[in-house]
Amino acid sequence: MYYEDFPVGFQFETATRQLSRADIIGFAQLWDPQPFHIDEVAAQASPFGGMIASGFQTLMVAFRLTIDTGLFEACSMGSPGMDAVRWMTPVRPGDGLRVRAEVVSARLSGSKPDRGLVTIRYEVLNQNDEAVACYSPVQILRRRPLTES
């Protein structure tokens, strides 16, 4: 797929990935070693009442699920950033995460004719279809080569 295949309103969903207690602890030990991510006893005494995944892990799982769709394989040229990152519901061991996405804006680059920019609203859902996180990156996408139809 290329920029032209991502019009405003285009939607897609990903597969699901379950996060285990070991996944949560392993990620947190490396990147976010707060007690409610790595210590069950401390997590029980926290405002969350139990162990939760790092919000950054939630975003990384969502990113991987999105990449695994293959939709961006031919066109991804990176991103200048994202807006509106929100963590709404804690992710707990055993939760299954999937992503629902919708293109909310699209425009051609004003200076580089080989690309366009799309803003996609990503919503990360758990197994109960509750939104656990959302974010809206601007993605730089390669336009379809002239030799392809």
N, C-alpha and C. Protein backbone atom coordinates (compact mmCIF):
# COMPACT_ATOMS: atom_id res chain seq x y z
N MET A 1 0.85 -1.18 0.00
CA MET A 1 0.00 0.00 0.00
C MET A 1 0.89 1.24 0.00
N TYR A 2 0.32 2.33 -0.50
CA TYR A 2 1.02 3.61 -0.59
C TYR A 2 0.11 4.71 -0.05
N TYR A 3 0.63 5.93 -0.02
CA TYR A 3 -0.12 7.08 0.47
C TYR A 3 -1.54 7.11 -0.10
N GLU A 4 -1.67 6.88 -1.39
CA GLU A 4 -2.97 6.96 -2.06
C GLU A 4 -3.99 5.95 -1.51
N ASP A 5 -3.51 4.92 -0.85
CA ASP A 5 -4.38 3.88 -0.30
C ASP A 5 -4.87 4.19 1.12
N PHE A 6 -4.50 5.38 1.64
CA PHE A 6 -4.86 5.78 3.00
C PHE A 6 -5.68 7.07 2.99
N PRO A 7 -6.86 7.07 2.35
CA PRO A 7 -7.68 8.29 2.35
C PRO A 7 -8.30 8.52 3.73
N VAL A 8 -8.73 9.75 3.96
CA VAL A 8 -9.44 10.06 5.20
C VAL A 8 -10.62 9.11 5.33
N GLY A 9 -10.75 8.52 6.50
CA GLY A 9 -11.83 7.56 6.76
C GLY A 9 -11.40 6.10 6.63
N PHE A 10 -10.24 5.85 6.00
CA PHE A 10 -9.76 4.47 5.88
C PHE A 10 -9.55 3.90 7.28
N GLN A 11 -10.01 2.68 7.51
CA GLN A 11 -9.90 2.03 8.82
C GLN A 11 -9.27 0.65 8.68
N PHE A 12 -8.60 0.24 9.73
CA PHE A 12 -8.10 -1.13 9.79
C PHE A 12 -7.96 -1.54 11.25
N GLU A 13 -7.87 -2.86 11.46
CA GLU A 13 -7.65 -3.42 12.79
C GLU A 13 -6.51 -4.41 12.73
N THR A 14 -5.91 -4.65 13.87
CA THR A 14 -4.78 -5.58 13.96
C THR A 14 -5.22 -6.90 14.59
N ALA A 15 -4.29 -7.81 14.63
CA ALA A 15 -4.46 -9.04 15.41
C ALA A 15 -4.38 -8.67 16.89
N THR A 16 -4.51 -9.66 17.75
CA THR A 16 -4.46 -9.47 19.20
C THR A 16 -3.18 -10.08 19.75
N ARG A 17 -2.62 -9.45 20.76
CA ARG A 17 -1.47 -10.01 21.48
C ARG A 17 -1.77 -9.95 22.98
N GLN A 18 -1.58 -11.09 23.63
CA GLN A 18 -1.80 -11.17 25.07
C GLN A 18 -0.51 -10.83 25.80
N LEU A 19 -0.62 -10.04 26.86
CA LEU A 19 0.55 -9.70 27.69
C LEU A 19 0.55 -10.55 28.95
N SER A 20 1.62 -11.27 29.14
CA SER A 20 1.76 -12.09 30.34
C SER A 20 2.42 -11.28 31.46
N ARG A 21 2.36 -11.82 32.65
CA ARG A 21 3.05 -11.21 33.79
C ARG A 21 4.55 -11.10 33.48
N ALA A 22 5.12 -12.15 32.89
CA ALA A 22 6.55 -12.14 32.54
C ALA A 22 6.86 -11.05 31.51
N ASP A 23 5.97 -10.86 30.52
CA ASP A 23 6.16 -9.79 29.54
C ASP A 23 6.22 -8.43 30.23
N ILE A 24 5.27 -8.21 31.14
CA ILE A 24 5.17 -6.92 31.82
C ILE A 24 6.39 -6.67 32.69
N ILE A 25 6.79 -7.66 33.47
CA ILE A 25 7.95 -7.50 34.35
C ILE A 25 9.22 -7.33 33.53
N GLY A 26 9.40 -8.14 32.48
CA GLY A 26 10.60 -8.04 31.66
C GLY A 26 10.77 -6.68 31.03
N PHE A 27 9.70 -6.15 30.45
CA PHE A 27 9.77 -4.81 29.84
C PHE A 27 10.08 -3.77 30.91
N ALA A 28 9.36 -3.84 32.03
CA ALA A 28 9.52 -2.84 33.08
C ALA A 28 10.91 -2.87 33.70
N GLN A 29 11.49 -4.05 33.87
CA GLN A 29 12.83 -4.12 34.44
C GLN A 29 13.84 -3.39 33.56
N LEU A 30 13.64 -3.46 32.25
CA LEU A 30 14.54 -2.77 31.33
C LEU A 30 14.24 -1.28 31.18
N TRP A 31 12.96 -0.92 31.12
CA TRP A 31 12.60 0.42 30.66
C TRP A 31 11.76 1.26 31.60
N ASP A 32 11.08 0.67 32.56
CA ASP A 32 10.17 1.44 33.41
C ASP A 32 10.03 0.74 34.76
N PRO A 33 11.12 0.68 35.54
CA PRO A 33 11.12 -0.14 36.77
C PRO A 33 10.41 0.50 37.96
N GLN A 34 9.17 0.88 37.75
CA GLN A 34 8.38 1.38 38.87
C GLN A 34 7.76 0.18 39.60
N PRO A 35 7.58 0.30 40.92
CA PRO A 35 7.13 -0.86 41.71
C PRO A 35 5.84 -1.52 41.21
N PHE A 36 4.88 -0.75 40.71
CA PHE A 36 3.61 -1.36 40.28
C PHE A 36 3.74 -2.10 38.95
N HIS A 37 4.93 -2.05 38.32
CA HIS A 37 5.20 -2.82 37.11
C HIS A 37 6.04 -4.07 37.38
N ILE A 38 6.77 -4.08 38.50
CA ILE A 38 7.75 -5.16 38.71
C ILE A 38 7.60 -5.92 40.02
N ASP A 39 6.79 -5.44 40.94
CA ASP A 39 6.70 -6.05 42.27
C ASP A 39 5.23 -6.24 42.63
N GLU A 40 4.80 -7.49 42.70
CA GLU A 40 3.39 -7.79 42.94
C GLU A 40 2.91 -7.24 44.28
N VAL A 41 3.72 -7.33 45.31
CA VAL A 41 3.31 -6.84 46.64
C VAL A 41 3.15 -5.32 46.61
N ALA A 42 4.14 -4.63 46.05
CA ALA A 42 4.05 -3.17 45.94
C ALA A 42 2.88 -2.77 45.04
N ALA A 43 2.65 -3.54 43.99
CA ALA A 43 1.55 -3.23 43.07
C ALA A 43 0.20 -3.36 43.77
N GLN A 44 0.06 -4.35 44.66
CA GLN A 44 -1.19 -4.52 45.42
C GLN A 44 -1.47 -3.30 46.29
N ALA A 45 -0.41 -2.69 46.82
CA ALA A 45 -0.56 -1.52 47.70
C ALA A 45 -0.66 -0.21 46.92
N SER A 46 -0.50 -0.26 45.61
CA SER A 46 -0.54 0.95 44.78
C SER A 46 -1.99 1.36 44.51
N PRO A 47 -2.18 2.54 43.96
CA PRO A 47 -3.55 2.96 43.58
C PRO A 47 -4.19 2.05 42.53
N PHE A 48 -3.38 1.22 41.85
CA PHE A 48 -3.90 0.32 40.82
C PHE A 48 -4.41 -1.01 41.38
N GLY A 49 -4.04 -1.32 42.63
CA GLY A 49 -4.51 -2.53 43.28
C GLY A 49 -3.98 -3.82 42.67
N GLY A 50 -2.90 -3.72 41.94
CA GLY A 50 -2.29 -4.89 41.31
C GLY A 50 -1.35 -4.47 40.21
N MET A 51 -0.63 -5.45 39.69
CA MET A 51 0.37 -5.18 38.67
C MET A 51 -0.27 -4.68 37.38
N ILE A 52 0.39 -3.69 36.77
CA ILE A 52 -0.06 -3.16 35.48
C ILE A 52 1.15 -3.02 34.55
N ALA A 53 0.87 -3.01 33.27
CA ALA A 53 1.92 -2.81 32.26
C ALA A 53 2.28 -1.33 32.18
N SER A 54 3.50 -1.07 31.80
CA SER A 54 3.92 0.30 31.51
C SER A 54 3.11 0.82 30.33
N GLY A 55 2.73 2.07 30.40
CA GLY A 55 2.04 2.68 29.26
C GLY A 55 2.90 2.65 28.01
N PHE A 56 4.20 2.77 28.20
CA PHE A 56 5.11 2.72 27.04
C PHE A 56 5.11 1.33 26.42
N GLN A 57 4.99 0.30 27.24
CA GLN A 57 4.89 -1.05 26.70
C GLN A 57 3.60 -1.20 25.89
N THR A 58 2.52 -0.64 26.40
CA THR A 58 1.25 -0.68 25.67
C THR A 58 1.41 -0.06 24.29
N LEU A 59 2.08 1.10 24.22
CA LEU A 59 2.31 1.75 22.93
C LEU A 59 3.20 0.91 22.02
N MET A 60 4.23 0.31 22.58
CA MET A 60 5.15 -0.50 21.75
C MET A 60 4.45 -1.75 21.23
N VAL A 61 3.62 -2.38 22.04
CA VAL A 61 2.86 -3.54 21.57
C VAL A 61 1.92 -3.11 20.44
N ALA A 62 1.25 -1.97 20.63
CA ALA A 62 0.36 -1.46 19.58
C ALA A 62 1.13 -1.16 18.30
N PHE A 63 2.31 -0.57 18.44
CA PHE A 63 3.13 -0.26 17.26
C PHE A 63 3.51 -1.55 16.53
N ARG A 64 3.95 -2.55 17.27
CA ARG A 64 4.33 -3.82 16.65
C ARG A 64 3.13 -4.48 15.96
N LEU A 65 1.99 -4.48 16.61
CA LEU A 65 0.79 -5.05 15.99
C LEU A 65 0.46 -4.32 14.68
N THR A 66 0.64 -3.01 14.68
CA THR A 66 0.38 -2.21 13.48
C THR A 66 1.36 -2.56 12.37
N ILE A 67 2.64 -2.65 12.70
CA ILE A 67 3.65 -3.01 11.70
C ILE A 67 3.37 -4.41 11.15
N ASP A 68 2.95 -5.31 12.03
CA ASP A 68 2.70 -6.69 11.61
C ASP A 68 1.53 -6.83 10.63
N THR A 69 0.70 -5.79 10.47
CA THR A 69 -0.36 -5.86 9.48
C THR A 69 0.21 -5.89 8.05
N GLY A 70 1.43 -5.37 7.88
CA GLY A 70 2.04 -5.29 6.55
C GLY A 70 1.57 -4.11 5.73
N LEU A 71 0.63 -3.33 6.24
CA LEU A 71 0.08 -2.22 5.47
C LEU A 71 1.12 -1.15 5.13
N PHE A 72 2.13 -1.01 5.97
CA PHE A 72 3.10 0.08 5.80
C PHE A 72 4.43 -0.38 5.21
N GLU A 73 4.50 -1.65 4.83
CA GLU A 73 5.75 -2.25 4.37
C GLU A 73 6.38 -1.49 3.20
N ALA A 74 5.59 -1.11 2.21
CA ALA A 74 6.13 -0.46 1.01
C ALA A 74 6.20 1.06 1.14
N CYS A 75 5.50 1.63 2.12
CA CYS A 75 5.34 3.08 2.09
C CYS A 75 5.88 3.84 3.28
N SER A 76 6.18 3.20 4.39
CA SER A 76 6.57 3.95 5.59
C SER A 76 7.89 4.68 5.39
N MET A 77 7.86 5.97 5.70
CA MET A 77 9.06 6.81 5.64
C MET A 77 9.28 7.50 6.99
N GLY A 78 8.73 6.92 8.05
CA GLY A 78 8.93 7.48 9.38
C GLY A 78 7.82 8.41 9.81
N SER A 79 8.11 9.17 10.86
CA SER A 79 7.12 10.06 11.44
C SER A 79 7.81 11.23 12.11
N PRO A 80 7.28 12.44 11.95
CA PRO A 80 7.85 13.59 12.66
C PRO A 80 7.35 13.71 14.10
N GLY A 81 6.40 12.86 14.50
CA GLY A 81 5.93 12.90 15.87
C GLY A 81 4.48 12.49 16.01
N MET A 82 3.99 12.56 17.25
CA MET A 82 2.60 12.21 17.51
C MET A 82 2.02 13.13 18.56
N ASP A 83 0.70 13.19 18.54
CA ASP A 83 -0.04 14.02 19.48
C ASP A 83 -1.04 13.15 20.23
N ALA A 84 -1.60 13.73 21.28
CA ALA A 84 -2.74 13.17 21.99
C ALA A 84 -2.51 11.74 22.49
N VAL A 85 -1.37 11.49 23.09
CA VAL A 85 -1.14 10.18 23.70
C VAL A 85 -1.90 10.15 25.02
N ARG A 86 -2.73 9.13 25.18
CA ARG A 86 -3.51 8.98 26.40
C ARG A 86 -3.53 7.52 26.83
N TRP A 87 -3.40 7.33 28.14
CA TRP A 87 -3.57 6.01 28.73
C TRP A 87 -4.84 6.09 29.57
N MET A 88 -5.85 5.33 29.19
CA MET A 88 -7.16 5.46 29.84
C MET A 88 -7.46 4.38 30.87
N THR A 89 -7.04 3.16 30.61
CA THR A 89 -7.35 2.03 31.48
C THR A 89 -6.09 1.20 31.66
N PRO A 90 -5.74 0.82 32.89
CA PRO A 90 -4.54 0.01 33.07
C PRO A 90 -4.60 -1.33 32.32
N VAL A 91 -3.46 -1.73 31.81
CA VAL A 91 -3.32 -3.04 31.16
C VAL A 91 -2.74 -3.99 32.20
N ARG A 92 -3.41 -5.12 32.39
CA ARG A 92 -3.02 -6.07 33.43
C ARG A 92 -2.54 -7.39 32.81
N PRO A 93 -1.81 -8.18 33.59
CA PRO A 93 -1.37 -9.48 33.07
C PRO A 93 -2.55 -10.29 32.55
N GLY A 94 -2.37 -10.87 31.38
CA GLY A 94 -3.41 -11.66 30.76
C GLY A 94 -4.28 -10.89 29.79
N ASP A 95 -4.19 -9.56 29.80
CA ASP A 95 -4.99 -8.77 28.86
C ASP A 95 -4.53 -9.02 27.43
N GLY A 96 -5.49 -9.05 26.53
CA GLY A 96 -5.22 -9.17 25.11
C GLY A 96 -5.42 -7.83 24.45
N LEU A 97 -4.39 -7.33 23.77
CA LEU A 97 -4.45 -6.01 23.14
C LEU A 97 -4.57 -6.12 21.63
N ARG A 98 -5.36 -5.24 21.06
CA ARG A 98 -5.45 -5.09 19.61
C ARG A 98 -5.62 -3.61 19.31
N VAL A 99 -5.45 -3.26 18.06
CA VAL A 99 -5.49 -1.85 17.67
C VAL A 99 -6.56 -1.65 16.60
N ARG A 100 -7.31 -0.58 16.77
CA ARG A 100 -8.25 -0.12 15.75
C ARG A 100 -7.76 1.26 15.31
N ALA A 101 -7.69 1.48 13.99
CA ALA A 101 -7.11 2.72 13.48
C ALA A 101 -7.98 3.35 12.41
N GLU A 102 -7.91 4.68 12.34
CA GLU A 102 -8.64 5.41 11.30
C GLU A 102 -7.82 6.61 10.86
N VAL A 103 -7.71 6.80 9.54
CA VAL A 103 -7.04 7.96 8.98
C VAL A 103 -7.94 9.17 9.20
N VAL A 104 -7.41 10.21 9.88
CA VAL A 104 -8.21 11.39 10.17
C VAL A 104 -7.82 12.60 9.32
N SER A 105 -6.62 12.57 8.72
CA SER A 105 -6.25 13.62 7.77
C SER A 105 -5.18 13.07 6.84
N ALA A 106 -5.14 13.65 5.65
CA ALA A 106 -4.14 13.24 4.65
C ALA A 106 -3.87 14.43 3.74
N ARG A 107 -2.59 14.65 3.45
CA ARG A 107 -2.20 15.72 2.53
C ARG A 107 -0.89 15.37 1.87
N LEU A 108 -0.72 15.85 0.67
CA LEU A 108 0.54 15.66 -0.04
C LEU A 108 1.58 16.61 0.54
N SER A 109 2.83 16.20 0.49
CA SER A 109 3.92 17.06 0.93
C SER A 109 4.02 18.26 -0.02
N GLY A 110 4.23 19.43 0.53
CA GLY A 110 4.37 20.62 -0.29
C GLY A 110 5.75 20.76 -0.91
N SER A 111 6.73 20.06 -0.36
CA SER A 111 8.10 20.22 -0.86
C SER A 111 8.70 18.95 -1.46
N LYS A 112 8.11 17.79 -1.17
CA LYS A 112 8.67 16.53 -1.66
C LYS A 112 7.55 15.73 -2.34
N PRO A 113 7.53 15.74 -3.66
CA PRO A 113 6.40 15.14 -4.39
C PRO A 113 6.30 13.62 -4.30
N ASP A 114 7.31 12.96 -3.72
CA ASP A 114 7.27 11.50 -3.63
C ASP A 114 6.54 11.00 -2.38
N ARG A 115 5.95 11.93 -1.59
CA ARG A 115 5.35 11.50 -0.31
C ARG A 115 4.15 12.33 0.09
N GLY A 116 3.41 11.77 1.03
CA GLY A 116 2.30 12.47 1.65
C GLY A 116 2.34 12.24 3.15
N LEU A 117 1.54 12.97 3.86
CA LEU A 117 1.47 12.84 5.31
C LEU A 117 0.05 12.49 5.72
N VAL A 118 -0.08 11.49 6.54
CA VAL A 118 -1.39 11.10 7.06
C VAL A 118 -1.34 11.11 8.59
N THR A 119 -2.42 11.54 9.19
CA THR A 119 -2.57 11.44 10.63
C THR A 119 -3.57 10.31 10.87
N ILE A 120 -3.15 9.37 11.69
CA ILE A 120 -3.98 8.21 11.99
C ILE A 120 -4.27 8.20 13.49
N ARG A 121 -5.53 8.04 13.83
CA ARG A 121 -5.90 7.89 15.24
C ARG A 121 -5.91 6.41 15.56
N TYR A 122 -5.05 6.03 16.47
CA TYR A 122 -4.95 4.64 16.91
C TYR A 122 -5.62 4.52 18.27
N GLU A 123 -6.43 3.48 18.41
CA GLU A 123 -7.07 3.17 19.67
C GLU A 123 -6.66 1.75 20.04
N VAL A 124 -6.08 1.60 21.22
CA VAL A 124 -5.66 0.29 21.71
C VAL A 124 -6.77 -0.24 22.60
N LEU A 125 -7.25 -1.44 22.27
CA LEU A 125 -8.37 -2.04 22.98
C LEU A 125 -7.95 -3.31 23.69
N ASN A 126 -8.59 -3.58 24.84
CA ASN A 126 -8.33 -4.86 25.50
C ASN A 126 -9.37 -5.89 25.06
N GLN A 127 -9.35 -7.05 25.67
CA GLN A 127 -10.22 -8.16 25.29
C GLN A 127 -11.70 -7.85 25.54
N ASN A 128 -12.00 -6.83 26.34
CA ASN A 128 -13.37 -6.43 26.61
C ASN A 128 -13.81 -5.25 25.73
N ASP A 129 -12.99 -4.93 24.73
CA ASP A 129 -13.23 -3.79 23.84
C ASP A 129 -13.19 -2.45 24.56
N GLU A 130 -12.52 -2.41 25.71
CA GLU A 130 -12.31 -1.15 26.41
C GLU A 130 -11.07 -0.48 25.84
N ALA A 131 -11.15 0.82 25.60
CA ALA A 131 -9.98 1.57 25.14
C ALA A 131 -9.01 1.71 26.30
N VAL A 132 -7.78 1.21 26.12
CA VAL A 132 -6.77 1.34 27.16
C VAL A 132 -5.79 2.45 26.85
N ALA A 133 -5.67 2.82 25.57
CA ALA A 133 -4.77 3.90 25.17
C ALA A 133 -5.18 4.40 23.79
N CYS A 134 -4.75 5.62 23.47
CA CYS A 134 -4.92 6.14 22.12
C CYS A 134 -3.79 7.10 21.82
N TYR A 135 -3.51 7.28 20.54
CA TYR A 135 -2.46 8.20 20.12
C TYR A 135 -2.67 8.52 18.65
N SER A 136 -2.11 9.64 18.20
CA SER A 136 -2.33 10.11 16.83
C SER A 136 -1.03 10.59 16.21
N PRO A 137 -0.26 9.69 15.59
CA PRO A 137 0.96 10.13 14.92
C PRO A 137 0.67 10.66 13.52
N VAL A 138 1.58 11.52 13.07
CA VAL A 138 1.63 11.91 11.66
C VAL A 138 2.61 10.93 11.02
N GLN A 139 2.19 10.27 9.96
CA GLN A 139 3.05 9.30 9.30
C GLN A 139 3.37 9.78 7.89
N ILE A 140 4.65 9.70 7.55
CA ILE A 140 5.11 10.07 6.22
C ILE A 140 5.05 8.81 5.37
N LEU A 141 4.27 8.87 4.29
CA LEU A 141 4.07 7.68 3.46
C LEU A 141 4.50 7.97 2.02
N ARG A 142 5.22 7.03 1.46
CA ARG A 142 5.67 7.09 0.07
C ARG A 142 4.45 7.04 -0.86
N ARG A 143 4.48 7.88 -1.88
CA ARG A 143 3.41 7.83 -2.89
C ARG A 143 3.66 6.67 -3.83
N ARG A 144 2.62 6.25 -4.50
CA ARG A 144 2.71 5.14 -5.45
C ARG A 144 3.65 5.54 -6.58
N PRO A 145 4.62 4.69 -6.91
CA PRO A 145 5.51 4.99 -8.04
C PRO A 145 4.70 5.14 -9.34
N LEU A 146 5.15 5.99 -10.22
CA LEU A 146 4.45 6.23 -11.48
C LEU A 146 4.31 4.99 -12.33
N THR A 147 5.21 4.02 -12.16
CA THR A 147 5.17 2.79 -12.97
C THR A 147 4.10 1.83 -12.51
N GLU A 148 3.51 2.05 -11.33
CA GLU A 148 2.45 1.16 -10.82
C GLU A 148 1.09 1.78 -11.02
N SER A 149 0.07 0.96 -11.17
CA SER A 149 -1.28 1.50 -11.28
C SER A 149 -2.08 1.21 -10.04
